[in-house]
Amino acid sequence: MTSPRLGNRIRLAREETGLTQAELALRVGVSRKTINTVENAVFTPSTTLALSIARAFERPVEALFFLIEPEG
């Protein structure tokens, strides 16, 4: 059985607020590359990082992160 994956709406939130990946990275204390890999679902963020990103946008974590259930 395949586990669900973590999806996110970080890019959408960044575009809505006018932040670049570098600006978001600076706000949460990680590299721009980390933000890029999280946005593109290459890297699953720690709980701490997910909460920090949500705080940077002043949104609940559930507004930015969601589970993608496997098909079949």
PDB file of N, CA and C in Angstrom:
ATOM      1  N   MET A   1       0.828  -1.181   0.000  1.00  0.00           N
ATOM      2  CA  MET A   1       0.000   0.000   0.000  1.00  0.00           C
ATOM      3  C   MET A   1       0.881   1.257   0.000  1.00  0.00           C
ATOM      4  N   THR A   2       0.562   2.193  -0.846  1.00  0.00           N
ATOM      5  CA  THR A   2       1.330   3.424  -0.962  1.00  0.00           C
ATOM      6  C   THR A   2       0.801   4.474   0.013  1.00  0.00           C
ATOM      7  N   SER A   3       1.720   5.178   0.642  1.00  0.00           N
ATOM      8  CA  SER A   3       1.345   6.232   1.593  1.00  0.00           C
ATOM      9  C   SER A   3       0.972   7.513   0.855  1.00  0.00           C
ATOM     10  N   PRO A   4       0.171   8.355   1.492  1.00  0.00           N
ATOM     11  CA  PRO A   4      -0.136   9.649   0.876  1.00  0.00           C
ATOM     12  C   PRO A   4       1.117  10.517   0.808  1.00  0.00           C
ATOM     13  N   ARG A   5       1.113  11.443  -0.128  1.00  0.00           N
ATOM     14  CA  ARG A   5       2.214  12.405  -0.273  1.00  0.00           C
ATOM     15  C   ARG A   5       1.728  13.762   0.227  1.00  0.00           C
ATOM     16  N   LEU A   6       2.675  14.632   0.533  1.00  0.00           N
ATOM     17  CA  LEU A   6       2.339  15.969   0.996  1.00  0.00           C
ATOM     18  C   LEU A   6       2.362  16.940  -0.182  1.00  0.00           C
ATOM     19  N   GLY A   7       1.238  17.581  -0.425  1.00  0.00           N
ATOM     20  CA  GLY A   7       1.162  18.631  -1.429  1.00  0.00           C
ATOM     21  C   GLY A   7       1.200  19.981  -0.736  1.00  0.00           C
ATOM     22  N   ASN A   8       1.407  21.043  -1.522  1.00  0.00           N
ATOM     23  CA  ASN A   8       1.443  22.367  -0.912  1.00  0.00           C
ATOM     24  C   ASN A   8       0.978  23.454  -1.873  1.00  0.00           C
ATOM     25  N   ARG A   9       0.638  24.577  -1.284  1.00  0.00           N
ATOM     26  CA  ARG A   9       0.216  25.759  -2.042  1.00  0.00           C
ATOM     27  C   ARG A   9       1.166  26.928  -1.778  1.00  0.00           C
ATOM     28  N   ILE A  10       2.439  26.627  -1.572  1.00  0.00           N
ATOM     29  CA  ILE A  10       3.405  27.673  -1.228  1.00  0.00           C
ATOM     30  C   ILE A  10       3.589  28.647  -2.382  1.00  0.00           C
ATOM     31  N   ARG A  11       3.743  28.138  -3.585  1.00  0.00           N
ATOM     32  CA  ARG A  11       3.941  29.034  -4.731  1.00  0.00           C
ATOM     33  C   ARG A  11       2.765  29.999  -4.871  1.00  0.00           C
ATOM     34  N   LEU A  12       1.565  29.475  -4.759  1.00  0.00           N
ATOM     35  CA  LEU A  12       0.371  30.313  -4.851  1.00  0.00           C
ATOM     36  C   LEU A  12       0.379  31.388  -3.761  1.00  0.00           C
ATOM     37  N   ALA A  13       0.699  31.003  -2.540  1.00  0.00           N
ATOM     38  CA  ALA A  13       0.752  31.966  -1.432  1.00  0.00           C
ATOM     39  C   ALA A  13       1.834  33.015  -1.673  1.00  0.00           C
ATOM     40  N   ARG A  14       2.979  32.587  -2.198  1.00  0.00           N
ATOM     41  CA  ARG A  14       4.056  33.544  -2.498  1.00  0.00           C
ATOM     42  C   ARG A  14       3.609  34.546  -3.553  1.00  0.00           C
ATOM     43  N   GLU A  15       2.984  34.038  -4.616  1.00  0.00           N
ATOM     44  CA  GLU A  15       2.538  34.921  -5.687  1.00  0.00           C
ATOM     45  C   GLU A  15       1.478  35.895  -5.193  1.00  0.00           C
ATOM     46  N   GLU A  16       0.572  35.424  -4.333  1.00  0.00           N
ATOM     47  CA  GLU A  16      -0.472  36.296  -3.778  1.00  0.00           C
ATOM     48  C   GLU A  16       0.110  37.410  -2.917  1.00  0.00           C
ATOM     49  N   THR A  17       1.211  37.124  -2.234  1.00  0.00           N
ATOM     50  CA  THR A  17       1.809  38.107  -1.334  1.00  0.00           C
ATOM     51  C   THR A  17       2.993  38.845  -1.955  1.00  0.00           C
ATOM     52  N   GLY A  18       3.393  38.451  -3.157  1.00  0.00           N
ATOM     53  CA  GLY A  18       4.490  39.135  -3.841  1.00  0.00           C
ATOM     54  C   GLY A  18       5.876  38.806  -3.324  1.00  0.00           C
ATOM     55  N   LEU A  19       6.021  37.667  -2.650  1.00  0.00           N
ATOM     56  CA  LEU A  19       7.336  37.255  -2.146  1.00  0.00           C
ATOM     57  C   LEU A  19       8.078  36.407  -3.163  1.00  0.00           C
ATOM     58  N   THR A  20       9.376  36.537  -3.181  1.00  0.00           N
ATOM     59  CA  THR A  20      10.211  35.632  -3.969  1.00  0.00           C
ATOM     60  C   THR A  20      10.577  34.440  -3.084  1.00  0.00           C
ATOM     61  N   GLN A  21      11.121  33.404  -3.701  1.00  0.00           N
ATOM     62  CA  GLN A  21      11.602  32.267  -2.910  1.00  0.00           C
ATOM     63  C   GLN A  21      12.682  32.720  -1.941  1.00  0.00           C
ATOM     64  N   ALA A  22      13.559  33.606  -2.382  1.00  0.00           N
ATOM     65  CA  ALA A  22      14.646  34.089  -1.527  1.00  0.00           C
ATOM     66  C   ALA A  22      14.102  34.861  -0.330  1.00  0.00           C
ATOM     67  N   GLU A  23      13.081  35.678  -0.539  1.00  0.00           N
ATOM     68  CA  GLU A  23      12.496  36.443   0.565  1.00  0.00           C
ATOM     69  C   GLU A  23      11.816  35.529   1.581  1.00  0.00           C
ATOM     70  N   LEU A  24      11.093  34.529   1.086  1.00  0.00           N
ATOM     71  CA  LEU A  24      10.463  33.568   1.990  1.00  0.00           C
ATOM     72  C   LEU A  24      11.523  32.788   2.756  1.00  0.00           C
ATOM     73  N   ALA A  25      12.551  32.376   2.065  1.00  0.00           N
ATOM     74  CA  ALA A  25      13.639  31.632   2.712  1.00  0.00           C
ATOM     75  C   ALA A  25      14.253  32.443   3.847  1.00  0.00           C
ATOM     76  N   LEU A  26      14.478  33.716   3.613  1.00  0.00           N
ATOM     77  CA  LEU A  26      15.044  34.592   4.634  1.00  0.00           C
ATOM     78  C   LEU A  26      14.116  34.688   5.844  1.00  0.00           C
ATOM     79  N   ARG A  27      12.816  34.777   5.602  1.00  0.00           N
ATOM     80  CA  ARG A  27      11.838  34.873   6.698  1.00  0.00           C
ATOM     81  C   ARG A  27      11.803  33.626   7.569  1.00  0.00           C
ATOM     82  N   VAL A  28      12.020  32.453   6.960  1.00  0.00           N
ATOM     83  CA  VAL A  28      11.917  31.213   7.744  1.00  0.00           C
ATOM     84  C   VAL A  28      13.276  30.602   8.090  1.00  0.00           C
ATOM     85  N   GLY A  29      14.366  31.216   7.638  1.00  0.00           N
ATOM     86  CA  GLY A  29      15.697  30.779   8.043  1.00  0.00           C
ATOM     87  C   GLY A  29      16.240  29.566   7.327  1.00  0.00           C
ATOM     88  N   VAL A  30      15.881  29.422   6.044  1.00  0.00           N
ATOM     89  CA  VAL A  30      16.420  28.328   5.227  1.00  0.00           C
ATOM     90  C   VAL A  30      16.953  28.919   3.916  1.00  0.00           C
ATOM     91  N   SER A  31      17.511  28.074   3.074  1.00  0.00           N
ATOM     92  CA  SER A  31      18.013  28.546   1.782  1.00  0.00           C
ATOM     93  C   SER A  31      16.874  28.648   0.760  1.00  0.00           C
ATOM     94  N   ARG A  32      17.120  29.421  -0.283  1.00  0.00           N
ATOM     95  CA  ARG A  32      16.154  29.527  -1.374  1.00  0.00           C
ATOM     96  C   ARG A  32      15.941  28.162  -2.009  1.00  0.00           C
ATOM     97  N   LYS A  33      17.005  27.382  -2.107  1.00  0.00           N
ATOM     98  CA  LYS A  33      16.903  26.047  -2.691  1.00  0.00           C
ATOM     99  C   LYS A  33      15.969  25.154  -1.869  1.00  0.00           C
ATOM    100  N   THR A  34      15.993  25.282  -0.555  1.00  0.00           N
ATOM    101  CA  THR A  34      15.082  24.504   0.286  1.00  0.00           C
ATOM    102  C   THR A  34      13.638  24.872  -0.020  1.00  0.00           C
ATOM    103  N   ILE A  35      13.356  26.169  -0.127  1.00  0.00           N
ATOM    104  CA  ILE A  35      11.995  26.604  -0.471  1.00  0.00           C
ATOM    105  C   ILE A  35      11.613  26.040  -1.836  1.00  0.00           C
ATOM    106  N   ASN A  36      12.516  26.085  -2.778  1.00  0.00           N
ATOM    107  CA  ASN A  36      12.242  25.558  -4.119  1.00  0.00           C
ATOM    108  C   ASN A  36      11.922  24.074  -4.083  1.00  0.00           C
ATOM    109  N   THR A  37      12.692  23.298  -3.333  1.00  0.00           N
ATOM    110  CA  THR A  37      12.461  21.848  -3.308  1.00  0.00           C
ATOM    111  C   THR A  37      11.171  21.501  -2.565  1.00  0.00           C
ATOM    112  N   VAL A  38      10.806  22.282  -1.556  1.00  0.00           N
ATOM    113  CA  VAL A  38       9.536  22.054  -0.869  1.00  0.00           C
ATOM    114  C   VAL A  38       8.385  22.410  -1.808  1.00  0.00           C
ATOM    115  N   GLU A  39       8.476  23.575  -2.461  1.00  0.00           N
ATOM    116  CA  GLU A  39       7.424  24.008  -3.403  1.00  0.00           C
ATOM    117  C   GLU A  39       7.156  22.968  -4.478  1.00  0.00           C
ATOM    118  N   ASN A  40       8.221  22.359  -4.965  1.00  0.00           N
ATOM    119  CA  ASN A  40       8.112  21.400  -6.061  1.00  0.00           C
ATOM    120  C   ASN A  40       7.945  19.961  -5.590  1.00  0.00           C
ATOM    121  N   ALA A  41       7.668  19.780  -4.297  1.00  0.00           N
ATOM    122  CA  ALA A  41       7.413  18.465  -3.698  1.00  0.00           C
ATOM    123  C   ALA A  41       8.560  17.479  -3.893  1.00  0.00           C
ATOM    124  N   VAL A  42       9.782  18.012  -3.992  1.00  0.00           N
ATOM    125  CA  VAL A  42      10.967  17.167  -4.059  1.00  0.00           C
ATOM    126  C   VAL A  42      11.394  16.792  -2.636  1.00  0.00           C
ATOM    127  N   PHE A  43      11.129  17.694  -1.712  1.00  0.00           N
ATOM    128  CA  PHE A  43      11.520  17.545  -0.307  1.00  0.00           C
ATOM    129  C   PHE A  43      10.290  17.775   0.562  1.00  0.00           C
ATOM    130  N   THR A  44      10.064  16.880   1.513  1.00  0.00           N
ATOM    131  CA  THR A  44       8.971  17.047   2.473  1.00  0.00           C
ATOM    132  C   THR A  44       9.527  17.800   3.675  1.00  0.00           C
ATOM    133  N   PRO A  45       8.937  18.948   3.998  1.00  0.00           N
ATOM    134  CA  PRO A  45       9.483  19.743   5.101  1.00  0.00           C
ATOM    135  C   PRO A  45       9.218  19.096   6.453  1.00  0.00           C
ATOM    136  N   SER A  46      10.078  19.435   7.401  1.00  0.00           N
ATOM    137  CA  SER A  46       9.823  19.012   8.784  1.00  0.00           C
ATOM    138  C   SER A  46       8.577  19.738   9.274  1.00  0.00           C
ATOM    139  N   THR A  47       8.036  19.260  10.349  1.00  0.00           N
ATOM    140  CA  THR A  47       6.879  19.923  10.956  1.00  0.00           C
ATOM    141  C   THR A  47       7.236  21.364  11.320  1.00  0.00           C
ATOM    142  N   THR A  48       8.416  21.556  11.864  1.00  0.00           N
ATOM    143  CA  THR A  48       8.861  22.893  12.249  1.00  0.00           C
ATOM    144  C   THR A  48       8.929  23.818  11.049  1.00  0.00           C
ATOM    145  N   LEU A  49       9.483  23.342   9.942  1.00  0.00           N
ATOM    146  CA  LEU A  49       9.580  24.176   8.745  1.00  0.00           C
ATOM    147  C   LEU A  49       8.196  24.461   8.168  1.00  0.00           C
ATOM    148  N   ALA A  50       7.329  23.470   8.127  1.00  0.00           N
ATOM    149  CA  ALA A  50       5.971  23.678   7.616  1.00  0.00           C
ATOM    150  C   ALA A  50       5.243  24.730   8.444  1.00  0.00           C
ATOM    151  N   LEU A  51       5.371  24.653   9.766  1.00  0.00           N
ATOM    152  CA  LEU A  51       4.740  25.632  10.641  1.00  0.00           C
ATOM    153  C   LEU A  51       5.359  27.016  10.468  1.00  0.00           C
ATOM    154  N   SER A  52       6.659  27.086  10.265  1.00  0.00           N
ATOM    155  CA  SER A  52       7.333  28.367  10.048  1.00  0.00           C
ATOM    156  C   SER A  52       6.885  29.016   8.744  1.00  0.00           C
ATOM    157  N   ILE A  53       6.725  28.216   7.712  1.00  0.00           N
ATOM    158  CA  ILE A  53       6.242  28.740   6.430  1.00  0.00           C
ATOM    159  C   ILE A  53       4.823  29.264   6.589  1.00  0.00           C
ATOM    160  N   ALA A  54       3.984  28.496   7.256  1.00  0.00           N
ATOM    161  CA  ALA A  54       2.602  28.935   7.480  1.00  0.00           C
ATOM    162  C   ALA A  54       2.584  30.243   8.280  1.00  0.00           C
ATOM    163  N   ARG A  55       3.408  30.339   9.283  1.00  0.00           N
ATOM    164  CA  ARG A  55       3.478  31.557  10.096  1.00  0.00           C
ATOM    165  C   ARG A  55       3.927  32.742   9.246  1.00  0.00           C
ATOM    166  N   ALA A  56       4.870  32.520   8.327  1.00  0.00           N
ATOM    167  CA  ALA A  56       5.358  33.604   7.466  1.00  0.00           C
ATOM    168  C   ALA A  56       4.227  34.196   6.627  1.00  0.00           C
ATOM    169  N   PHE A  57       3.257  33.370   6.277  1.00  0.00           N
ATOM    170  CA  PHE A  57       2.112  33.832   5.489  1.00  0.00           C
ATOM    171  C   PHE A  57       0.901  34.177   6.361  1.00  0.00           C
ATOM    172  N   GLU A  58       1.062  34.023   7.682  1.00  0.00           N
ATOM    173  CA  GLU A  58      -0.034  34.264   8.627  1.00  0.00           C
ATOM    174  C   GLU A  58      -1.282  33.471   8.250  1.00  0.00           C
ATOM    175  N   ARG A  59      -1.049  32.182   7.954  1.00  0.00           N
ATOM    176  CA  ARG A  59      -2.129  31.267   7.581  1.00  0.00           C
ATOM    177  C   ARG A  59      -1.979  29.982   8.382  1.00  0.00           C
ATOM    178  N   PRO A  60      -3.075  29.262   8.577  1.00  0.00           N
ATOM    179  CA  PRO A  60      -2.943  27.951   9.231  1.00  0.00           C
ATOM    180  C   PRO A  60      -2.177  26.989   8.314  1.00  0.00           C
ATOM    181  N   VAL A  61      -1.472  26.079   8.919  1.00  0.00           N
ATOM    182  CA  VAL A  61      -0.665  25.138   8.136  1.00  0.00           C
ATOM    183  C   VAL A  61      -1.528  24.365   7.136  1.00  0.00           C
ATOM    184  N   GLU A  62      -2.780  24.092   7.508  1.00  0.00           N
ATOM    185  CA  GLU A  62      -3.682  23.351   6.616  1.00  0.00           C
ATOM    186  C   GLU A  62      -4.040  24.134   5.358  1.00  0.00           C
ATOM    187  N   ALA A  63      -3.853  25.442   5.391  1.00  0.00           N
ATOM    188  CA  ALA A  63      -4.131  26.266   4.208  1.00  0.00           C
ATOM    189  C   ALA A  63      -3.017  26.144   3.171  1.00  0.00           C
ATOM    190  N   LEU A  64      -1.849  25.694   3.612  1.00  0.00           N
ATOM    191  CA  LEU A  64      -0.700  25.596   2.713  1.00  0.00           C
ATOM    192  C   LEU A  64      -0.282  24.167   2.378  1.00  0.00           C
ATOM    193  N   PHE A  65      -0.563  23.237   3.274  1.00  0.00           N
ATOM    194  CA  PHE A  65      -0.141  21.846   3.085  1.00  0.00           C
ATOM    195  C   PHE A  65      -1.348  20.923   3.136  1.00  0.00           C
ATOM    196  N   PHE A  66      -1.329  19.887   2.309  1.00  0.00           N
ATOM    197  CA  PHE A  66      -2.437  18.937   2.246  1.00  0.00           C
ATOM    198  C   PHE A  66      -1.914  17.572   1.802  1.00  0.00           C
ATOM    199  N   LEU A  67      -2.687  16.527   2.093  1.00  0.00           N
ATOM    200  CA  LEU A  67      -2.292  15.178   1.700  1.00  0.00           C
ATOM    201  C   LEU A  67      -2.841  14.847   0.318  1.00  0.00           C
ATOM    202  N   ILE A  68      -2.031  14.186  -0.471  1.00  0.00           N
ATOM    203  CA  ILE A  68      -2.429  13.672  -1.773  1.00  0.00           C
ATOM    204  C   ILE A  68      -2.533  12.166  -1.631  1.00  0.00           C
ATOM    205  N   GLU A  69      -3.742  11.670  -1.680  1.00  0.00           N
ATOM    206  CA  GLU A  69      -3.964  10.227  -1.521  1.00  0.00           C
ATOM    207  C   GLU A  69      -3.548   9.488  -2.796  1.00  0.00           C
ATOM    208  N   PRO A  70      -2.940   8.325  -2.641  1.00  0.00           N
ATOM    209  CA  PRO A  70      -2.577   7.535  -3.829  1.00  0.00           C
ATOM    210  C   PRO A  70      -3.827   7.045  -4.557  1.00  0.00           C
ATOM    211  N   GLU A  71      -3.704   6.940  -5.842  1.00  0.00           N
ATOM    212  CA  GLU A  71      -4.838   6.438  -6.635  1.00  0.00           C
ATOM    213  C   GLU A  71      -4.864   4.912  -6.605  1.00  0.00           C
ATOM    214  N   GLY A  72      -6.051   4.381  -6.724  1.00  0.00           N
ATOM    215  CA  GLY A  72      -6.200   2.941  -6.835  1.00  0.00           C
ATOM    216  C   GLY A  72      -6.340   2.305  -5.539  1.00  0.00           C
TER     217      GLY A  72
END
